[in-house]
Amino acid sequence: MNLNILKILGISQDSKQAWRNPWVLGMVGLILLVIAVNVGFITMAVRTNPGLVDNKYYDHGRDLERNALKKIAARNALGLEAHFEVPEHIVISRPAPFRFTAVDKLGLPFTNAEVTIVAYRPADAAADFIVKMQDNTQGRYQTDMVFPLKGTWDLIIKVKRGADSIELTHRISVHQT
C-alpha cells in the first residue's frame, strides 16, 4: 500500500491506538480469514453431504465378524469357484460388458441362480444402482452396465439360488474417455 495513504489514515507502527497499528490490523485480518475459510468448509460439508453414514452403524459393527464368518462358511459350503470378468477400460455413459461364471464342487455350472450387481459409489450414495445379470447359457451370466459418473466404484455381486447365497466384491475405476 502507498505510504501516503497510510499516513492519511493514521496507520503507523508508532500509533498508540490499537486500530491504527498495522500489526493489530494484520492479526485481526488473519483471524477473520481463518473464520471465513472455516465457514466455507462447513457450508460445503453440509451442502455436499453424500450420506454415507449407516444409520445402524453400531448394530452392524457388532455383527460384522459374525456375519463375515457366516459368509465365508456359506461360500465354503457351496464350494463354488466363481469368476467375475470386468472390462479393462470402462468409460462413463458407455455400455460395458460384465460376465460372471461359477461352477460347484463337482465342476458343474451353477445354473438357475439370481445374480445381481450392486454398483456402489463410495463418494456419492445417490449414484448407486442395481443391475440384474441375465443367464445366457449354462451358468454364464452377463449384463451391460452404464456408469453415470467417473471415479471409483465398488461392485457387490450377489448370487442367490434357493436358500444358498454368496456375495463377492470388486473395485473398478470408471474413466472420462
N, C-alpha and C. Protein backbone atom coordinates (compact mmCIF):
# COMPACT_ATOMS: atom_id res chain seq x y z
N MET A 1 0.84 -1.17 0.00
CA MET A 1 0.00 0.00 0.00
C MET A 1 0.89 1.24 0.00
N ASN A 2 0.38 2.29 -0.54
CA ASN A 2 1.14 3.53 -0.62
C ASN A 2 1.28 4.14 0.78
N LEU A 3 2.50 4.57 1.10
CA LEU A 3 2.78 5.12 2.43
C LEU A 3 1.99 6.40 2.70
N ASN A 4 1.72 7.20 1.67
CA ASN A 4 0.96 8.44 1.87
C ASN A 4 -0.46 8.13 2.34
N ILE A 5 -1.08 7.07 1.79
CA ILE A 5 -2.43 6.70 2.19
C ILE A 5 -2.43 6.25 3.64
N LEU A 6 -1.39 5.49 4.03
CA LEU A 6 -1.30 5.03 5.41
C LEU A 6 -1.14 6.21 6.37
N LYS A 7 -0.38 7.20 5.97
CA LYS A 7 -0.21 8.38 6.82
C LYS A 7 -1.52 9.14 6.95
N ILE A 8 -2.26 9.25 5.83
CA ILE A 8 -3.54 9.96 5.86
C ILE A 8 -4.50 9.24 6.80
N LEU A 9 -4.51 7.87 6.77
CA LEU A 9 -5.40 7.09 7.63
C LEU A 9 -4.89 7.02 9.06
N GLY A 10 -3.67 7.45 9.27
CA GLY A 10 -3.10 7.44 10.62
C GLY A 10 -2.60 6.07 11.04
N ILE A 11 -2.34 5.18 10.08
CA ILE A 11 -1.85 3.84 10.40
C ILE A 11 -0.34 3.87 10.42
N SER A 12 0.20 3.51 11.59
CA SER A 12 1.64 3.53 11.76
C SER A 12 2.02 2.63 12.92
N GLN A 13 3.24 2.11 12.89
CA GLN A 13 3.71 1.27 14.00
C GLN A 13 3.89 2.11 15.26
N ASP A 14 4.03 3.38 15.09
CA ASP A 14 4.23 4.26 16.24
C ASP A 14 2.91 4.66 16.90
N SER A 15 1.78 4.31 16.27
CA SER A 15 0.48 4.71 16.78
C SER A 15 0.19 3.98 18.09
N LYS A 16 -0.35 4.73 19.06
CA LYS A 16 -0.70 4.15 20.35
C LYS A 16 -2.12 3.58 20.34
N GLN A 17 -2.91 3.90 19.33
CA GLN A 17 -4.25 3.34 19.21
C GLN A 17 -4.14 1.98 18.52
N ALA A 18 -4.79 0.98 19.09
CA ALA A 18 -4.68 -0.39 18.57
C ALA A 18 -5.18 -0.49 17.13
N TRP A 19 -6.29 0.17 16.81
CA TRP A 19 -6.86 0.03 15.46
C TRP A 19 -6.11 0.84 14.41
N ARG A 20 -5.07 1.50 14.82
CA ARG A 20 -4.23 2.25 13.87
C ARG A 20 -2.85 1.59 13.72
N ASN A 21 -2.63 0.50 14.41
CA ASN A 21 -1.35 -0.23 14.34
C ASN A 21 -1.46 -1.35 13.30
N PRO A 22 -0.55 -1.42 12.32
CA PRO A 22 -0.65 -2.44 11.26
C PRO A 22 -0.53 -3.87 11.79
N TRP A 23 0.17 -4.05 12.90
CA TRP A 23 0.30 -5.39 13.47
C TRP A 23 -1.05 -5.89 14.02
N VAL A 24 -1.75 -5.03 14.69
CA VAL A 24 -3.06 -5.41 15.21
C VAL A 24 -4.02 -5.65 14.05
N LEU A 25 -4.01 -4.77 13.07
CA LEU A 25 -4.89 -4.95 11.90
C LEU A 25 -4.56 -6.25 11.16
N GLY A 26 -3.29 -6.58 11.06
CA GLY A 26 -2.88 -7.83 10.41
C GLY A 26 -3.37 -9.06 11.16
N MET A 27 -3.28 -9.04 12.50
CA MET A 27 -3.75 -10.17 13.31
C MET A 27 -5.26 -10.32 13.21
N VAL A 28 -5.99 -9.23 13.26
CA VAL A 28 -7.45 -9.28 13.14
C VAL A 28 -7.83 -9.80 11.75
N GLY A 29 -7.12 -9.33 10.73
CA GLY A 29 -7.38 -9.80 9.37
C GLY A 29 -7.13 -11.30 9.24
N LEU A 30 -6.07 -11.80 9.86
CA LEU A 30 -5.74 -13.23 9.82
C LEU A 30 -6.83 -14.05 10.52
N ILE A 31 -7.29 -13.57 11.66
CA ILE A 31 -8.35 -14.29 12.39
C ILE A 31 -9.63 -14.30 11.55
N LEU A 32 -9.99 -13.18 10.93
CA LEU A 32 -11.18 -13.13 10.09
C LEU A 32 -11.06 -14.05 8.87
N LEU A 33 -9.86 -14.14 8.31
CA LEU A 33 -9.62 -15.05 7.18
C LEU A 33 -9.83 -16.51 7.60
N VAL A 34 -9.31 -16.92 8.75
CA VAL A 34 -9.48 -18.29 9.24
C VAL A 34 -10.95 -18.58 9.49
N ILE A 35 -11.67 -17.64 10.08
CA ILE A 35 -13.11 -17.84 10.32
C ILE A 35 -13.86 -17.97 9.00
N ALA A 36 -13.54 -17.15 8.02
CA ALA A 36 -14.22 -17.20 6.71
C ALA A 36 -13.97 -18.54 6.02
N VAL A 37 -12.74 -19.02 6.06
CA VAL A 37 -12.41 -20.32 5.44
C VAL A 37 -13.16 -21.45 6.14
N ASN A 38 -13.22 -21.43 7.47
CA ASN A 38 -13.95 -22.46 8.21
C ASN A 38 -15.45 -22.43 7.90
N VAL A 39 -16.03 -21.24 7.80
CA VAL A 39 -17.44 -21.13 7.43
C VAL A 39 -17.65 -21.72 6.04
N GLY A 40 -16.73 -21.45 5.12
CA GLY A 40 -16.82 -22.02 3.77
C GLY A 40 -16.76 -23.54 3.80
N PHE A 41 -15.84 -24.12 4.58
CA PHE A 41 -15.73 -25.57 4.69
C PHE A 41 -16.99 -26.19 5.29
N ILE A 42 -17.51 -25.57 6.35
CA ILE A 42 -18.72 -26.10 6.99
C ILE A 42 -19.90 -26.04 6.02
N THR A 43 -20.04 -24.94 5.29
CA THR A 43 -21.11 -24.81 4.31
C THR A 43 -20.99 -25.87 3.23
N MET A 44 -19.79 -26.08 2.72
CA MET A 44 -19.57 -27.08 1.68
C MET A 44 -19.86 -28.49 2.21
N ALA A 45 -19.47 -28.78 3.43
CA ALA A 45 -19.70 -30.10 4.01
C ALA A 45 -21.19 -30.38 4.17
N VAL A 46 -21.96 -29.39 4.56
CA VAL A 46 -23.40 -29.58 4.76
C VAL A 46 -24.11 -29.70 3.40
N ARG A 47 -23.73 -28.90 2.43
CA ARG A 47 -24.41 -28.89 1.13
C ARG A 47 -24.05 -30.10 0.28
N THR A 48 -22.87 -30.66 0.42
CA THR A 48 -22.44 -31.76 -0.45
C THR A 48 -22.35 -33.08 0.31
N ASN A 49 -23.07 -33.23 1.40
CA ASN A 49 -23.03 -34.46 2.19
C ASN A 49 -23.48 -35.65 1.36
N PRO A 50 -22.61 -36.68 1.15
CA PRO A 50 -23.02 -37.84 0.36
C PRO A 50 -23.90 -38.81 1.13
N GLY A 51 -24.06 -38.64 2.42
CA GLY A 51 -24.94 -39.51 3.20
C GLY A 51 -24.44 -40.93 3.32
N LEU A 52 -23.15 -41.13 3.48
CA LEU A 52 -22.59 -42.47 3.52
C LEU A 52 -22.56 -43.07 4.92
N VAL A 53 -23.13 -42.41 5.89
CA VAL A 53 -23.13 -42.94 7.25
C VAL A 53 -24.30 -43.90 7.40
N ASP A 54 -24.01 -45.10 7.87
CA ASP A 54 -25.04 -46.11 8.10
C ASP A 54 -25.81 -45.74 9.36
N ASN A 55 -27.14 -45.71 9.27
CA ASN A 55 -27.96 -45.32 10.42
C ASN A 55 -27.86 -46.31 11.56
N LYS A 56 -27.58 -47.57 11.26
CA LYS A 56 -27.47 -48.60 12.29
C LYS A 56 -26.02 -49.07 12.41
N TYR A 57 -25.11 -48.13 12.41
CA TYR A 57 -23.69 -48.47 12.41
C TYR A 57 -23.28 -49.30 13.62
N TYR A 58 -23.85 -49.04 14.77
CA TYR A 58 -23.46 -49.78 15.97
C TYR A 58 -23.87 -51.24 15.87
N ASP A 59 -25.12 -51.49 15.48
CA ASP A 59 -25.60 -52.86 15.34
C ASP A 59 -24.83 -53.61 14.26
N HIS A 60 -24.59 -52.97 13.14
CA HIS A 60 -23.85 -53.61 12.06
C HIS A 60 -22.40 -53.88 12.46
N GLY A 61 -21.81 -52.97 13.19
CA GLY A 61 -20.44 -53.17 13.65
C GLY A 61 -20.31 -54.33 14.62
N ARG A 62 -21.30 -54.48 15.51
CA ARG A 62 -21.28 -55.60 16.46
C ARG A 62 -21.39 -56.94 15.75
N ASP A 63 -22.17 -56.97 14.68
CA ASP A 63 -22.40 -58.22 13.97
C ASP A 63 -21.43 -58.45 12.82
N LEU A 64 -20.49 -57.55 12.62
CA LEU A 64 -19.60 -57.63 11.48
C LEU A 64 -18.82 -58.94 11.42
N GLU A 65 -18.16 -59.30 12.50
CA GLU A 65 -17.35 -60.52 12.49
C GLU A 65 -18.21 -61.76 12.30
N ARG A 66 -19.32 -61.81 13.01
CA ARG A 66 -20.21 -62.97 12.90
C ARG A 66 -20.74 -63.11 11.48
N ASN A 67 -21.15 -62.00 10.88
CA ASN A 67 -21.66 -62.04 9.51
C ASN A 67 -20.57 -62.41 8.52
N ALA A 68 -19.37 -61.90 8.73
CA ALA A 68 -18.25 -62.23 7.84
C ALA A 68 -17.95 -63.73 7.92
N LEU A 69 -17.96 -64.28 9.12
CA LEU A 69 -17.71 -65.72 9.27
C LEU A 69 -18.82 -66.55 8.64
N LYS A 70 -20.07 -66.08 8.73
CA LYS A 70 -21.19 -66.77 8.10
C LYS A 70 -21.03 -66.78 6.58
N LYS A 71 -20.63 -65.65 6.02
CA LYS A 71 -20.45 -65.56 4.57
C LYS A 71 -19.34 -66.49 4.10
N ILE A 72 -18.25 -66.53 4.83
CA ILE A 72 -17.14 -67.42 4.47
C ILE A 72 -17.58 -68.87 4.56
N ALA A 73 -18.31 -69.22 5.62
CA ALA A 73 -18.79 -70.60 5.78
C ALA A 73 -19.77 -70.97 4.67
N ALA A 74 -20.65 -70.05 4.29
CA ALA A 74 -21.61 -70.31 3.21
C ALA A 74 -20.90 -70.51 1.89
N ARG A 75 -19.90 -69.69 1.61
CA ARG A 75 -19.14 -69.82 0.37
C ARG A 75 -18.40 -71.16 0.34
N ASN A 76 -17.80 -71.54 1.48
CA ASN A 76 -17.07 -72.82 1.54
C ASN A 76 -18.02 -74.01 1.43
N ALA A 77 -19.21 -73.90 2.02
CA ALA A 77 -20.18 -75.00 1.96
C ALA A 77 -20.67 -75.21 0.53
N LEU A 78 -20.86 -74.12 -0.21
CA LEU A 78 -21.28 -74.26 -1.61
C LEU A 78 -20.15 -74.79 -2.47
N GLY A 79 -18.94 -74.47 -2.11
CA GLY A 79 -17.79 -74.93 -2.88
C GLY A 79 -17.74 -74.33 -4.27
N LEU A 80 -18.26 -73.14 -4.41
CA LEU A 80 -18.27 -72.51 -5.72
C LEU A 80 -16.91 -71.96 -6.10
N GLU A 81 -16.59 -72.14 -7.35
CA GLU A 81 -15.41 -71.49 -7.91
C GLU A 81 -15.95 -70.44 -8.87
N ALA A 82 -15.92 -69.19 -8.45
CA ALA A 82 -16.55 -68.10 -9.21
C ALA A 82 -15.51 -67.28 -9.94
N HIS A 83 -15.93 -66.75 -11.09
CA HIS A 83 -15.06 -65.91 -11.89
C HIS A 83 -15.88 -64.71 -12.38
N PHE A 84 -15.40 -63.51 -12.10
CA PHE A 84 -16.08 -62.28 -12.49
C PHE A 84 -15.20 -61.55 -13.48
N GLU A 85 -15.69 -61.37 -14.71
CA GLU A 85 -14.92 -60.70 -15.77
C GLU A 85 -15.34 -59.23 -15.85
N VAL A 86 -14.34 -58.37 -15.76
CA VAL A 86 -14.56 -56.92 -15.79
C VAL A 86 -13.78 -56.34 -16.96
N PRO A 87 -14.38 -55.45 -17.76
CA PRO A 87 -13.63 -54.81 -18.85
C PRO A 87 -12.43 -54.05 -18.31
N GLU A 88 -11.38 -54.01 -19.12
CA GLU A 88 -10.16 -53.32 -18.69
C GLU A 88 -10.35 -51.81 -18.59
N HIS A 89 -11.06 -51.24 -19.57
CA HIS A 89 -11.23 -49.79 -19.61
C HIS A 89 -12.72 -49.47 -19.67
N ILE A 90 -13.24 -48.87 -18.62
CA ILE A 90 -14.66 -48.54 -18.53
C ILE A 90 -14.80 -47.02 -18.65
N VAL A 91 -15.66 -46.58 -19.56
CA VAL A 91 -15.85 -45.16 -19.84
C VAL A 91 -17.27 -44.76 -19.43
N ILE A 92 -17.40 -43.57 -18.84
CA ILE A 92 -18.73 -43.12 -18.40
C ILE A 92 -19.68 -43.04 -19.59
N SER A 93 -20.95 -43.35 -19.34
CA SER A 93 -22.04 -43.27 -20.30
C SER A 93 -21.91 -44.22 -21.48
N ARG A 94 -20.99 -45.19 -21.42
CA ARG A 94 -20.88 -46.20 -22.47
C ARG A 94 -21.12 -47.57 -21.86
N PRO A 95 -21.92 -48.42 -22.54
CA PRO A 95 -22.17 -49.76 -22.01
C PRO A 95 -20.87 -50.57 -21.93
N ALA A 96 -20.69 -51.26 -20.82
CA ALA A 96 -19.52 -52.11 -20.62
C ALA A 96 -20.02 -53.51 -20.23
N PRO A 97 -19.50 -54.56 -20.89
CA PRO A 97 -19.98 -55.92 -20.61
C PRO A 97 -19.32 -56.51 -19.36
N PHE A 98 -20.14 -57.05 -18.47
CA PHE A 98 -19.67 -57.73 -17.28
C PHE A 98 -20.18 -59.17 -17.34
N ARG A 99 -19.30 -60.13 -16.99
CA ARG A 99 -19.68 -61.54 -17.05
C ARG A 99 -19.34 -62.21 -15.72
N PHE A 100 -20.20 -63.17 -15.36
CA PHE A 100 -19.99 -63.94 -14.14
C PHE A 100 -20.24 -65.41 -14.46
N THR A 101 -19.30 -66.26 -14.06
CA THR A 101 -19.48 -67.70 -14.19
C THR A 101 -19.09 -68.35 -12.88
N ALA A 102 -19.71 -69.49 -12.60
CA ALA A 102 -19.38 -70.22 -11.39
C ALA A 102 -19.63 -71.71 -11.63
N VAL A 103 -18.81 -72.52 -11.00
CA VAL A 103 -19.00 -73.97 -11.02
C VAL A 103 -19.02 -74.46 -9.58
N ASP A 104 -19.78 -75.54 -9.34
CA ASP A 104 -19.89 -76.07 -7.99
C ASP A 104 -18.75 -77.05 -7.69
N LYS A 105 -18.87 -77.76 -6.56
CA LYS A 105 -17.83 -78.70 -6.12
C LYS A 105 -17.52 -79.77 -7.16
N LEU A 106 -18.55 -80.17 -7.90
CA LEU A 106 -18.40 -81.24 -8.89
C LEU A 106 -17.95 -80.73 -10.26
N GLY A 107 -17.79 -79.41 -10.38
CA GLY A 107 -17.39 -78.83 -11.64
C GLY A 107 -18.56 -78.54 -12.57
N LEU A 108 -19.78 -78.65 -12.05
CA LEU A 108 -20.97 -78.38 -12.84
C LEU A 108 -21.30 -76.89 -12.78
N PRO A 109 -21.82 -76.33 -13.89
CA PRO A 109 -22.18 -74.91 -13.89
C PRO A 109 -23.24 -74.60 -12.84
N PHE A 110 -23.10 -73.47 -12.22
CA PHE A 110 -24.04 -73.02 -11.19
C PHE A 110 -25.19 -72.32 -11.92
N THR A 111 -26.26 -73.06 -12.22
CA THR A 111 -27.36 -72.54 -13.03
C THR A 111 -28.55 -72.17 -12.17
N ASN A 112 -29.53 -71.53 -12.82
CA ASN A 112 -30.79 -71.13 -12.19
C ASN A 112 -30.58 -70.27 -10.94
N ALA A 113 -29.62 -69.43 -10.99
CA ALA A 113 -29.34 -68.53 -9.86
C ALA A 113 -29.78 -67.12 -10.22
N GLU A 114 -30.05 -66.35 -9.21
CA GLU A 114 -30.35 -64.93 -9.39
C GLU A 114 -29.07 -64.17 -9.07
N VAL A 115 -28.50 -63.54 -10.10
CA VAL A 115 -27.23 -62.82 -9.94
C VAL A 115 -27.48 -61.34 -10.18
N THR A 116 -27.17 -60.52 -9.19
CA THR A 116 -27.32 -59.07 -9.31
C THR A 116 -26.01 -58.39 -8.95
N ILE A 117 -25.81 -57.24 -9.53
CA ILE A 117 -24.64 -56.42 -9.22
C ILE A 117 -25.13 -55.12 -8.61
N VAL A 118 -24.63 -54.82 -7.43
CA VAL A 118 -24.92 -53.53 -6.79
C VAL A 118 -23.70 -52.65 -7.05
N ALA A 119 -23.91 -51.58 -7.79
CA ALA A 119 -22.84 -50.63 -8.08
C ALA A 119 -22.91 -49.53 -7.02
N TYR A 120 -21.90 -49.50 -6.17
CA TYR A 120 -21.86 -48.61 -5.02
C TYR A 120 -20.75 -47.59 -5.22
N ARG A 121 -21.09 -46.34 -5.21
CA ARG A 121 -20.09 -45.28 -5.38
C ARG A 121 -19.75 -44.72 -4.01
N PRO A 122 -18.53 -44.97 -3.53
CA PRO A 122 -18.16 -44.52 -2.18
C PRO A 122 -18.27 -43.00 -1.98
N ALA A 123 -18.16 -42.22 -3.05
CA ALA A 123 -18.19 -40.76 -2.89
C ALA A 123 -19.58 -40.16 -3.03
N ASP A 124 -20.58 -40.95 -3.48
CA ASP A 124 -21.90 -40.37 -3.71
C ASP A 124 -22.96 -41.47 -3.67
N ALA A 125 -23.64 -41.59 -2.56
CA ALA A 125 -24.65 -42.64 -2.39
C ALA A 125 -25.82 -42.47 -3.34
N ALA A 126 -26.10 -41.27 -3.80
CA ALA A 126 -27.23 -41.03 -4.71
C ALA A 126 -27.00 -41.66 -6.09
N ALA A 127 -25.76 -41.98 -6.43
CA ALA A 127 -25.45 -42.55 -7.75
C ALA A 127 -25.50 -44.08 -7.75
N ASP A 128 -25.70 -44.72 -6.61
CA ASP A 128 -25.73 -46.18 -6.53
C ASP A 128 -26.87 -46.75 -7.38
N PHE A 129 -26.65 -47.94 -7.95
CA PHE A 129 -27.70 -48.60 -8.70
C PHE A 129 -27.49 -50.11 -8.69
N ILE A 130 -28.54 -50.84 -9.09
CA ILE A 130 -28.52 -52.31 -9.08
C ILE A 130 -28.87 -52.79 -10.49
N VAL A 131 -28.14 -53.81 -10.95
CA VAL A 131 -28.38 -54.41 -12.26
C VAL A 131 -28.50 -55.92 -12.10
N LYS A 132 -29.51 -56.50 -12.72
CA LYS A 132 -29.69 -57.94 -12.69
C LYS A 132 -28.99 -58.55 -13.91
N MET A 133 -28.19 -59.59 -13.67
CA MET A 133 -27.48 -60.26 -14.75
C MET A 133 -28.38 -61.33 -15.37
N GLN A 134 -28.27 -61.51 -16.67
CA GLN A 134 -29.06 -62.49 -17.39
C GLN A 134 -28.25 -63.78 -17.56
N ASP A 135 -28.91 -64.93 -17.39
CA ASP A 135 -28.28 -66.24 -17.58
C ASP A 135 -28.31 -66.54 -19.07
N ASN A 136 -27.15 -66.39 -19.74
CA ASN A 136 -27.08 -66.62 -21.18
C ASN A 136 -27.12 -68.10 -21.52
N THR A 137 -26.16 -68.84 -21.02
CA THR A 137 -26.10 -70.28 -21.31
C THR A 137 -25.41 -70.98 -20.16
N GLN A 138 -26.02 -72.01 -19.66
CA GLN A 138 -25.39 -72.93 -18.70
C GLN A 138 -24.55 -72.24 -17.62
N GLY A 139 -25.16 -71.33 -16.90
CA GLY A 139 -24.47 -70.72 -15.78
C GLY A 139 -23.53 -69.59 -16.14
N ARG A 140 -23.67 -69.06 -17.33
CA ARG A 140 -22.87 -67.89 -17.73
C ARG A 140 -23.79 -66.68 -17.69
N TYR A 141 -23.52 -65.78 -16.77
CA TYR A 141 -24.37 -64.61 -16.56
C TYR A 141 -23.68 -63.39 -17.15
N GLN A 142 -24.49 -62.51 -17.75
CA GLN A 142 -23.91 -61.34 -18.40
C GLN A 142 -24.85 -60.16 -18.30
N THR A 143 -24.28 -58.98 -18.26
CA THR A 143 -25.05 -57.74 -18.33
C THR A 143 -24.15 -56.63 -18.85
N ASP A 144 -24.76 -55.64 -19.43
CA ASP A 144 -24.05 -54.43 -19.82
C ASP A 144 -24.41 -53.36 -18.80
N MET A 145 -23.39 -52.67 -18.31
CA MET A 145 -23.61 -51.64 -17.31
C MET A 145 -23.13 -50.30 -17.85
N VAL A 146 -23.90 -49.26 -17.54
CA VAL A 146 -23.53 -47.89 -17.93
C VAL A 146 -23.36 -47.09 -16.64
N PHE A 147 -22.16 -46.55 -16.46
CA PHE A 147 -21.85 -45.78 -15.25
C PHE A 147 -22.01 -44.29 -15.53
N PRO A 148 -22.81 -43.58 -14.72
CA PRO A 148 -23.08 -42.17 -14.98
C PRO A 148 -21.97 -41.22 -14.54
N LEU A 149 -21.07 -41.69 -13.67
CA LEU A 149 -20.02 -40.82 -13.15
C LEU A 149 -18.66 -41.51 -13.22
N LYS A 150 -17.62 -40.71 -13.42
CA LYS A 150 -16.28 -41.28 -13.41
C LYS A 150 -15.79 -41.43 -11.98
N GLY A 151 -14.76 -42.23 -11.80
CA GLY A 151 -14.17 -42.41 -10.48
C GLY A 151 -14.25 -43.85 -10.01
N THR A 152 -14.08 -44.03 -8.72
CA THR A 152 -14.05 -45.36 -8.11
C THR A 152 -15.47 -45.85 -7.81
N TRP A 153 -15.70 -47.12 -8.14
CA TRP A 153 -16.97 -47.78 -7.85
C TRP A 153 -16.66 -49.13 -7.21
N ASP A 154 -17.46 -49.51 -6.22
CA ASP A 154 -17.37 -50.84 -5.63
C ASP A 154 -18.56 -51.65 -6.15
N LEU A 155 -18.26 -52.83 -6.69
CA LEU A 155 -19.31 -53.71 -7.19
C LEU A 155 -19.49 -54.86 -6.22
N ILE A 156 -20.72 -55.11 -5.83
CA ILE A 156 -21.05 -56.24 -4.97
C ILE A 156 -21.89 -57.19 -5.80
N ILE A 157 -21.35 -58.38 -6.08
CA ILE A 157 -22.04 -59.38 -6.87
C ILE A 157 -22.77 -60.29 -5.90
N LYS A 158 -24.10 -60.29 -5.99
CA LYS A 158 -24.92 -61.12 -5.10
C LYS A 158 -25.46 -62.29 -5.90
N VAL A 159 -25.12 -63.50 -5.45
CA VAL A 159 -25.54 -64.72 -6.13
C VAL A 159 -26.48 -65.47 -5.18
N LYS A 160 -27.70 -65.76 -5.67
CA LYS A 160 -28.67 -66.44 -4.82
C LYS A 160 -29.38 -67.53 -5.62
N ARG A 161 -29.42 -68.73 -5.03
CA ARG A 161 -30.17 -69.84 -5.62
C ARG A 161 -30.82 -70.59 -4.47
N GLY A 162 -32.13 -70.46 -4.38
CA GLY A 162 -32.83 -71.09 -3.26
C GLY A 162 -32.38 -70.46 -1.95
N ALA A 163 -31.98 -71.30 -1.00
CA ALA A 163 -31.51 -70.82 0.30
C ALA A 163 -30.03 -70.46 0.27
N ASP A 164 -29.33 -70.86 -0.80
CA ASP A 164 -27.89 -70.60 -0.90
C ASP A 164 -27.64 -69.20 -1.46
N SER A 165 -26.72 -68.49 -0.85
CA SER A 165 -26.36 -67.17 -1.36
C SER A 165 -24.92 -66.84 -0.98
N ILE A 166 -24.26 -66.12 -1.87
CA ILE A 166 -22.91 -65.62 -1.59
C ILE A 166 -22.80 -64.21 -2.14
N GLU A 167 -21.80 -63.50 -1.66
CA GLU A 167 -21.51 -62.15 -2.15
C GLU A 167 -20.03 -62.05 -2.46
N LEU A 168 -19.72 -61.42 -3.57
CA LEU A 168 -18.35 -61.15 -3.97
C LEU A 168 -18.23 -59.65 -4.18
N THR A 169 -17.06 -59.11 -3.96
CA THR A 169 -16.86 -57.68 -4.18
C THR A 169 -15.72 -57.45 -5.15
N HIS A 170 -15.82 -56.35 -5.86
CA HIS A 170 -14.78 -55.99 -6.83
C HIS A 170 -14.78 -54.46 -6.96
N ARG A 171 -13.61 -53.85 -6.97
CA ARG A 171 -13.49 -52.40 -7.13
C ARG A 171 -13.03 -52.08 -8.55
N ILE A 172 -13.71 -51.11 -9.16
CA ILE A 172 -13.35 -50.71 -10.51
C ILE A 172 -13.13 -49.19 -10.56
N SER A 173 -12.59 -48.75 -11.68
CA SER A 173 -12.40 -47.33 -11.91
C SER A 173 -13.01 -46.97 -13.25
N VAL A 174 -13.86 -45.96 -13.27
CA VAL A 174 -14.52 -45.51 -14.48
C VAL A 174 -13.82 -44.24 -14.94
N HIS A 175 -13.53 -44.18 -16.25
CA HIS A 175 -12.75 -43.07 -16.81
C HIS A 175 -13.62 -42.15 -17.66
N GLN A 176 -13.12 -40.96 -17.90
CA GLN A 176 -13.81 -39.96 -18.72
C GLN A 176 -13.83 -40.39 -20.18
N THR A 177 -12.69 -40.83 -20.72
CA THR A 177 -12.62 -41.28 -22.12
C THR A 177 -11.76 -42.50 -22.25
